[in-house]
C-alpha atoms as a PDB file:
ATOM      1  CA  MET A   1     -26.665  -1.062  -6.562  1.00  0.00           C
ATOM      2  CA  SER A   2     -23.138   0.319  -7.457  1.00  0.00           C
ATOM      3  CA  GLN A   3     -20.248  -1.760  -8.808  1.00  0.00           C
ATOM      4  CA  GLN A   4     -18.435  -1.184  -5.509  1.00  0.00           C
ATOM      5  CA  GLU A   5     -21.382  -2.465  -3.488  1.00  0.00           C
ATOM      6  CA  LYS A   6     -21.793  -5.506  -5.872  1.00  0.00           C
ATOM      7  CA  LEU A   7     -18.023  -6.333  -5.567  1.00  0.00           C
ATOM      8  CA  GLY A   8     -18.306  -5.946  -1.806  1.00  0.00           C
ATOM      9  CA  SER A   9     -20.980  -8.545  -1.688  1.00  0.00           C
ATOM     10  CA  LEU A  10     -19.439 -10.873  -4.294  1.00  0.00           C
ATOM     11  CA  GLN A  11     -15.841 -10.836  -3.068  1.00  0.00           C
ATOM     12  CA  PRO A  12     -14.454 -14.209  -2.187  1.00  0.00           C
ATOM     13  CA  PRO A  13     -14.555 -14.963   1.593  1.00  0.00           C
ATOM     14  CA  ARG A  14     -11.615 -14.037   3.637  1.00  0.00           C
ATOM     15  CA  SER A  15     -10.780 -17.689   4.407  1.00  0.00           C
ATOM     16  CA  THR A  16     -10.288 -20.599   2.069  1.00  0.00           C
ATOM     17  CA  GLU A  17     -12.220 -22.650   4.694  1.00  0.00           C
ATOM     18  CA  GLU A  18     -15.447 -20.746   3.613  1.00  0.00           C
ATOM     19  CA  PRO A  19     -15.943 -21.607  -0.103  1.00  0.00           C
ATOM     20  CA  ALA A  20     -16.834 -18.811  -2.413  1.00  0.00           C
ATOM     21  CA  PRO A  21     -20.000 -19.087  -4.514  1.00  0.00           C
ATOM     22  CA  GLU A  22     -19.287 -21.247  -7.504  1.00  0.00           C
ATOM     23  CA  TYR A  23     -19.502 -18.360 -10.135  1.00  0.00           C
ATOM     24  CA  VAL A  24     -16.886 -16.574  -8.148  1.00  0.00           C
ATOM     25  CA  ARG A  25     -14.551 -19.616  -8.036  1.00  0.00           C
ATOM     26  CA  ILE A  26     -14.984 -20.024 -11.781  1.00  0.00           C
ATOM     27  CA  GLN A  27     -14.377 -16.347 -12.568  1.00  0.00           C
ATOM     28  CA  ASP A  28     -11.199 -16.434 -10.451  1.00  0.00           C
ATOM     29  CA  GLU A  29      -9.975 -19.585 -12.187  1.00  0.00           C
ATOM     30  CA  LEU A  30     -10.366 -18.144 -15.624  1.00  0.00           C
ATOM     31  CA  ASP A  31      -8.641 -14.866 -14.615  1.00  0.00           C
ATOM     32  CA  GLU A  32      -5.909 -16.787 -12.776  1.00  0.00           C
ATOM     33  CA  ALA A  33      -5.183 -18.667 -16.032  1.00  0.00           C
ATOM     34  CA  GLN A  34      -4.831 -15.445 -17.909  1.00  0.00           C
ATOM     35  CA  ILE A  35      -2.479 -14.015 -15.075  1.00  0.00           C
ATOM     36  CA  GLU A  36      -0.286 -17.159 -15.290  1.00  0.00           C
ATOM     37  CA  ALA A  37      -0.262 -16.835 -19.160  1.00  0.00           C
ATOM     38  CA  GLU A  38       0.754 -13.184 -18.924  1.00  0.00           C
ATOM     39  CA  THR A  39       3.453 -14.057 -16.406  1.00  0.00           C
ATOM     40  CA  LEU A  40       4.808 -16.504 -19.007  1.00  0.00           C
ATOM     41  CA  GLY A  41       4.892 -13.784 -21.648  1.00  0.00           C
ATOM     42  CA  LYS A  42       1.892 -15.168 -23.606  1.00  0.00           C
ATOM     43  CA  ALA A  43      -0.519 -12.764 -25.379  1.00  0.00           C
ATOM     44  CA  LEU A  44      -4.024 -12.273 -23.938  1.00  0.00           C
ATOM     45  CA  GLY A  45      -6.778 -12.023 -26.365  1.00  0.00           C
ATOM     46  CA  ASP A  46      -9.983 -13.107 -24.754  1.00  0.00           C
ATOM     47  CA  PHE A  47     -11.661 -10.015 -23.163  1.00  0.00           C
ATOM     48  CA  VAL A  48     -15.015 -11.540 -22.038  1.00  0.00           C
ATOM     49  CA  TYR A  49     -16.056 -14.921 -20.644  1.00  0.00           C
ATOM     50  CA  SER A  50     -19.527 -16.449 -20.408  1.00  0.00           C
ATOM     51  CA  PHE A  51     -20.497 -19.682 -18.388  1.00  0.00           C
ATOM     52  CA  SER A  52     -23.195 -21.271 -16.435  1.00  0.00           C
ATOM     53  CA  ASP A  53     -22.746 -22.576 -12.948  1.00  0.00           C
ATOM     54  CA  ASN A  54     -24.386 -25.603 -11.385  1.00  0.00           C
ATOM     55  CA  SER A  55     -27.401 -23.585 -10.466  1.00  0.00           C
ATOM     56  CA  GLY A  56     -27.955 -22.727 -14.099  1.00  0.00           C
ATOM     57  CA  LYS A  57     -26.992 -19.033 -13.596  1.00  0.00           C
ATOM     58  CA  THR A  58     -25.267 -17.691 -16.737  1.00  0.00           C
ATOM     59  CA  VAL A  59     -22.511 -15.233 -16.022  1.00  0.00           C
ATOM     60  CA  THR A  60     -21.037 -13.083 -18.892  1.00  0.00           C
ATOM     61  CA  ASP A  61     -18.417 -10.495 -17.617  1.00  0.00           C
ATOM     62  CA  LEU A  62     -15.122  -8.923 -18.450  1.00  0.00           C
ATOM     63  CA  ALA A  63     -12.152 -11.236 -18.118  1.00  0.00           C
ATOM     64  CA  TYR A  64      -8.860 -10.052 -16.622  1.00  0.00           C
ATOM     65  CA  ALA A  65      -7.572  -9.004 -20.086  1.00  0.00           C
ATOM     66  CA  GLY A  66     -10.859  -7.201 -20.840  1.00  0.00           C
ATOM     67  CA  ILE A  67     -10.632  -5.250 -17.581  1.00  0.00           C
ATOM     68  CA  ARG A  68      -7.158  -4.153 -18.316  1.00  0.00           C
ATOM     69  CA  LYS A  69      -8.129  -3.076 -21.994  1.00  0.00           C
ATOM     70  CA  VAL A  70     -11.293  -1.162 -20.765  1.00  0.00           C
ATOM     71  CA  PHE A  71      -9.279   0.440 -17.956  1.00  0.00           C
ATOM     72  CA  LEU A  72      -6.498   1.680 -20.241  1.00  0.00           C
ATOM     73  CA  ASP A  73      -8.984   2.874 -22.953  1.00  0.00           C
ATOM     74  CA  TYR A  74     -11.650   4.435 -20.623  1.00  0.00           C
ATOM     75  CA  VAL A  75      -9.998   5.725 -17.439  1.00  0.00           C
ATOM     76  CA  LYS A  76      -8.272   8.852 -18.665  1.00  0.00           C
ATOM     77  CA  GLY A  77      -6.437   9.514 -15.440  1.00  0.00           C
ATOM     78  CA  PRO A  78      -4.053  10.348 -14.081  1.00  0.00           C
ATOM     79  CA  VAL A  79      -4.457   7.206 -12.043  1.00  0.00           C
ATOM     80  CA  ARG A  80      -1.861   6.085  -9.676  1.00  0.00           C
ATOM     81  CA  ILE A  81      -1.281   3.270  -7.227  1.00  0.00           C
ATOM     82  CA  ILE A  82      -0.876   4.445  -3.758  1.00  0.00           C
ATOM     83  CA  PRO A  83       1.901   2.406  -1.990  1.00  0.00           C
ATOM     84  CA  CYS A  84       0.926   0.745   1.330  1.00  0.00           C
ATOM     85  CA  GLU A  85       1.703   2.926   4.353  1.00  0.00           C
ATOM     86  CA  HIS A  86       2.974  -0.277   6.155  1.00  0.00           C
ATOM     87  CA  CYS A  87       5.166  -2.069   3.714  1.00  0.00           C
ATOM     88  CA  HIS A  88       5.562   0.700   1.105  1.00  0.00           C
ATOM     89  CA  GLN A  89       4.901  -1.717  -1.700  1.00  0.00           C
ATOM     90  CA  ASP A  90       2.281  -1.279  -4.527  1.00  0.00           C
ATOM     91  CA  CYS A  91       0.547  -4.475  -3.368  1.00  0.00           C
ATOM     92  CA  HIS A  92       0.321  -5.163   0.388  1.00  0.00           C
ATOM     93  CA  VAL A  93       0.348  -8.934   0.912  1.00  0.00           C
ATOM     94  CA  ASP A  94      -0.521 -10.745   4.132  1.00  0.00           C
ATOM     95  CA  GLU A  95       0.433 -14.444   4.247  1.00  0.00           C
ATOM     96  CA  THR A  96      -1.448 -17.083   6.145  1.00  0.00           C
ATOM     97  CA  GLU A  97      -0.591 -20.821   6.354  1.00  0.00           C
ATOM     98  CA  SER A  98      -2.696 -21.535   3.319  1.00  0.00           C
ATOM     99  CA  GLU A  99      -3.021 -18.273   1.229  1.00  0.00           C
ATOM    100  CA  LEU A 100      -1.777 -14.940   0.260  1.00  0.00           C
ATOM    101  CA  ARG A 101      -4.128 -11.964   0.666  1.00  0.00           C
ATOM    102  CA  GLY A 102      -3.432  -8.742  -1.262  1.00  0.00           C
ATOM    103  CA  ARG A 103      -4.616  -5.184  -1.311  1.00  0.00           C
ATOM    104  CA  ILE A 104      -3.879  -2.447  -3.909  1.00  0.00           C
ATOM    105  CA  ARG A 105      -5.004   1.132  -3.445  1.00  0.00           C
ATOM    106  CA  MET A 106      -5.509   3.237  -6.484  1.00  0.00           C
ATOM    107  CA  ARG A 107      -6.542   6.867  -6.927  1.00  0.00           C
ATOM    108  CA  ASP A 108      -8.136   8.350  -9.905  1.00  0.00           C
ATOM    109  CA  GLU A 109      -6.864  11.928  -9.502  1.00  0.00           C
ATOM    110  CA  ARG A 110      -9.282  13.458 -12.149  1.00  0.00           C
ATOM    111  CA  ARG A 111     -12.441  12.047 -10.467  1.00  0.00           C
ATOM    112  CA  GLY A 112     -11.026  12.205  -6.952  1.00  0.00           C
ATOM    113  CA  LYS A 113     -11.883   8.593  -6.363  1.00  0.00           C
ATOM    114  CA  ASP A 114      -9.951   6.090  -4.320  1.00  0.00           C
ATOM    115  CA  VAL A 115     -10.495   2.391  -4.433  1.00  0.00           C
ATOM    116  CA  VAL A 116      -9.089  -0.730  -2.892  1.00  0.00           C
ATOM    117  CA  GLY A 117      -8.676  -3.945  -4.808  1.00  0.00           C
ATOM    118  CA  ALA A 118      -8.412  -7.014  -2.738  1.00  0.00           C
ATOM    119  CA  ALA A 119      -7.870 -10.667  -3.598  1.00  0.00           C
ATOM    120  CA  SER A 120      -6.440 -13.996  -2.300  1.00  0.00           C
ATOM    121  CA  ALA A 121      -4.409 -16.849  -3.835  1.00  0.00           C
ATOM    122  CA  THR A 122      -3.871 -20.234  -2.548  1.00  0.00           C
ATOM    123  CA  LYS A 123      -0.240 -21.216  -1.838  1.00  0.00           C
ATOM    124  CA  GLU A 124      -0.747 -24.887  -2.539  1.00  0.00           C
ATOM    125  CA  PHE A 125      -2.932 -27.022  -4.803  1.00  0.00           C
ATOM    126  CA  LEU A 126      -4.252 -30.490  -3.881  1.00  0.00           C
ATOM    127  CA  SER A 127      -4.022 -33.271  -6.374  1.00  0.00           C
ATOM    128  CA  LYS A 128      -7.288 -34.617  -7.745  1.00  0.00           C
ATOM    129  CA  ASP A 129      -7.007 -37.727  -5.551  1.00  0.00           C
ATOM    130  CA  GLY A 130      -6.630 -35.433  -2.473  1.00  0.00           C
ATOM    131  CA  LYS A 131      -3.381 -37.049  -1.374  1.00  0.00           C
ATOM    132  CA  THR A 132      -0.650 -34.727  -2.699  1.00  0.00           C
ATOM    133  CA  LYS A 133      -0.083 -31.099  -2.132  1.00  0.00           C
ATOM    134  CA  TYR A 134       2.042 -29.056  -4.591  1.00  0.00           C
ATOM    135  CA  PRO A 135       3.071 -25.385  -4.505  1.00  0.00           C
ATOM    136  CA  ASN A 136       1.275 -22.758  -6.573  1.00  0.00           C
ATOM    137  CA  LYS A 137       4.368 -21.094  -8.175  1.00  0.00           C
ATOM    138  CA  PHE A 138       2.129 -18.312  -9.476  1.00  0.00           C
ATOM    139  CA  ALA A 139       0.564 -17.359  -6.066  1.00  0.00           C
ATOM    140  CA  TRP A 140       2.436 -14.016  -5.798  1.00  0.00           C
ATOM    141  CA  ALA A 141       1.619 -13.027  -9.404  1.00  0.00           C
ATOM    142  CA  ILE A 142      -1.992 -14.093  -8.940  1.00  0.00           C
ATOM    143  CA  VAL A 143      -2.630 -12.220  -5.770  1.00  0.00           C
ATOM    144  CA  HIS A 144      -1.117  -9.010  -7.316  1.00  0.00           C
ATOM    145  CA  GLY A 145      -2.853  -9.422 -10.639  1.00  0.00           C
ATOM    146  CA  LYS A 146      -6.220 -10.140  -9.081  1.00  0.00           C
ATOM    147  CA  SER A 147      -5.940  -7.275  -6.616  1.00  0.00           C
ATOM    148  CA  LEU A 148      -5.012  -4.898  -9.474  1.00  0.00           C
ATOM    149  CA  ARG A 149      -7.890  -6.268 -11.488  1.00  0.00           C
ATOM    150  CA  ASN A 150     -10.375  -5.615  -8.691  1.00  0.00           C
ATOM    151  CA  ALA A 151      -9.066  -2.043  -8.306  1.00  0.00           C
ATOM    152  CA  MET A 152      -9.225  -1.242 -11.940  1.00  0.00           C
ATOM    153  CA  ARG A 153     -12.686  -2.811 -12.308  1.00  0.00           C
ATOM    154  CA  LEU A 154     -13.881  -0.386  -9.446  1.00  0.00           C
ATOM    155  CA  LEU A 155     -12.744   2.598 -11.606  1.00  0.00           C
ATOM    156  CA  ILE A 156     -14.744   1.524 -14.746  1.00  0.00           C
ATOM    157  CA  ASP A 157     -18.318   2.742 -14.762  1.00  0.00           C
ATOM    158  CA  ASP A 158     -20.909  -0.129 -15.094  1.00  0.00           C
ATOM    159  CA  GLU A 159     -22.491   1.125 -18.110  1.00  0.00           C
ATOM    160  CA  VAL A 160     -19.048   1.431 -19.797  1.00  0.00           C
ATOM    161  CA  ALA A 161     -18.368  -2.219 -18.756  1.00  0.00           C
ATOM    162  CA  LYS A 162     -21.747  -3.340 -20.282  1.00  0.00           C
ATOM    163  CA  GLN A 163     -21.039  -1.622 -23.486  1.00  0.00           C
ATOM    164  CA  ALA A 164     -17.533  -2.998 -23.666  1.00  0.00           C
ATOM    165  CA  ILE A 165     -18.807  -6.497 -23.259  1.00  0.00           C
ATOM    166  CA  ILE A 166     -21.231  -6.046 -26.214  1.00  0.00           C
ATOM    167  CA  ALA A 167     -18.517  -4.561 -28.319  1.00  0.00           C
ATOM    168  CA  PHE A 168     -15.961  -7.326 -27.455  1.00  0.00           C
ATOM    169  CA  GLN A 169     -18.633  -9.967 -28.270  1.00  0.00           C
ATOM    170  CA  GLU A 170     -19.232  -8.432 -31.636  1.00  0.00           C
ATOM    171  CA  LYS A 171     -15.452  -8.341 -32.382  1.00  0.00           C
ATOM    172  CA  GLY A 172     -15.106 -12.034 -31.474  1.00  0.00           C
ATOM    173  CA  LYS A 173     -13.107 -11.305 -28.311  1.00  0.00           C
ATOM    174  CA  LEU A 174     -15.295 -13.636 -26.301  1.00  0.00           C
ATOM    175  CA  ALA A 175     -13.439 -16.418 -24.557  1.00  0.00           C
ATOM    176  CA  LYS A 176     -14.898 -19.826 -25.295  1.00  0.00           C
ATOM    177  CA  SER A 177     -17.903 -20.540 -23.334  1.00  0.00           C
ATOM    178  CA  VAL A 178     -16.867 -22.345 -20.176  1.00  0.00           C
ATOM    179  CA  THR A 179     -18.490 -25.519 -19.176  1.00  0.00           C
ATOM    180  CA  ASN A 180     -18.494 -26.375 -15.416  1.00  0.00           C
ATOM    181  CA  SER A 181     -16.694 -29.648 -15.019  1.00  0.00           C
ATOM    182  CA  LYS A 182     -16.525 -29.461 -11.253  1.00  0.00           C
ATOM    183  CA  SER A 183     -19.233 -30.670  -9.046  1.00  0.00           C
END
């Protein structure tokens, strides 16, 4: 199964009313934290994360920063973002009552390959007690960053990604293993 097919089957659902599989939710939360840190001007150093979900499945994959690093080192280009035909922006964003949904289209001119990275971000968070809503001030940055992450990942060959994960682990660029604290 190609990475495109895997991502197509693993993408978060189109609605927040249909929960994503737990490992997708955890991956998104970890990458969202890196996107927020980057937005605040902080350096990103963890290129790989590894965690086990409630089912015991262990997931080790490239983090947001790792995808960017491998993309910049591996994809020789020229690669360009194709602006949306509708809004003429790099990232087309649709807004629902509860979330932002983004799409970025990229073209690898050297390989003649077009990909679309899509993602969503919630506009509000609910407090732990479930009584208070507060705005997600990073929603626009997150939807853009995750859409870009997904497009870049589709341009990285699976074997290259596997080798990068091993190399990053050997160099100590592995994010601390994440324990699942949500049930």
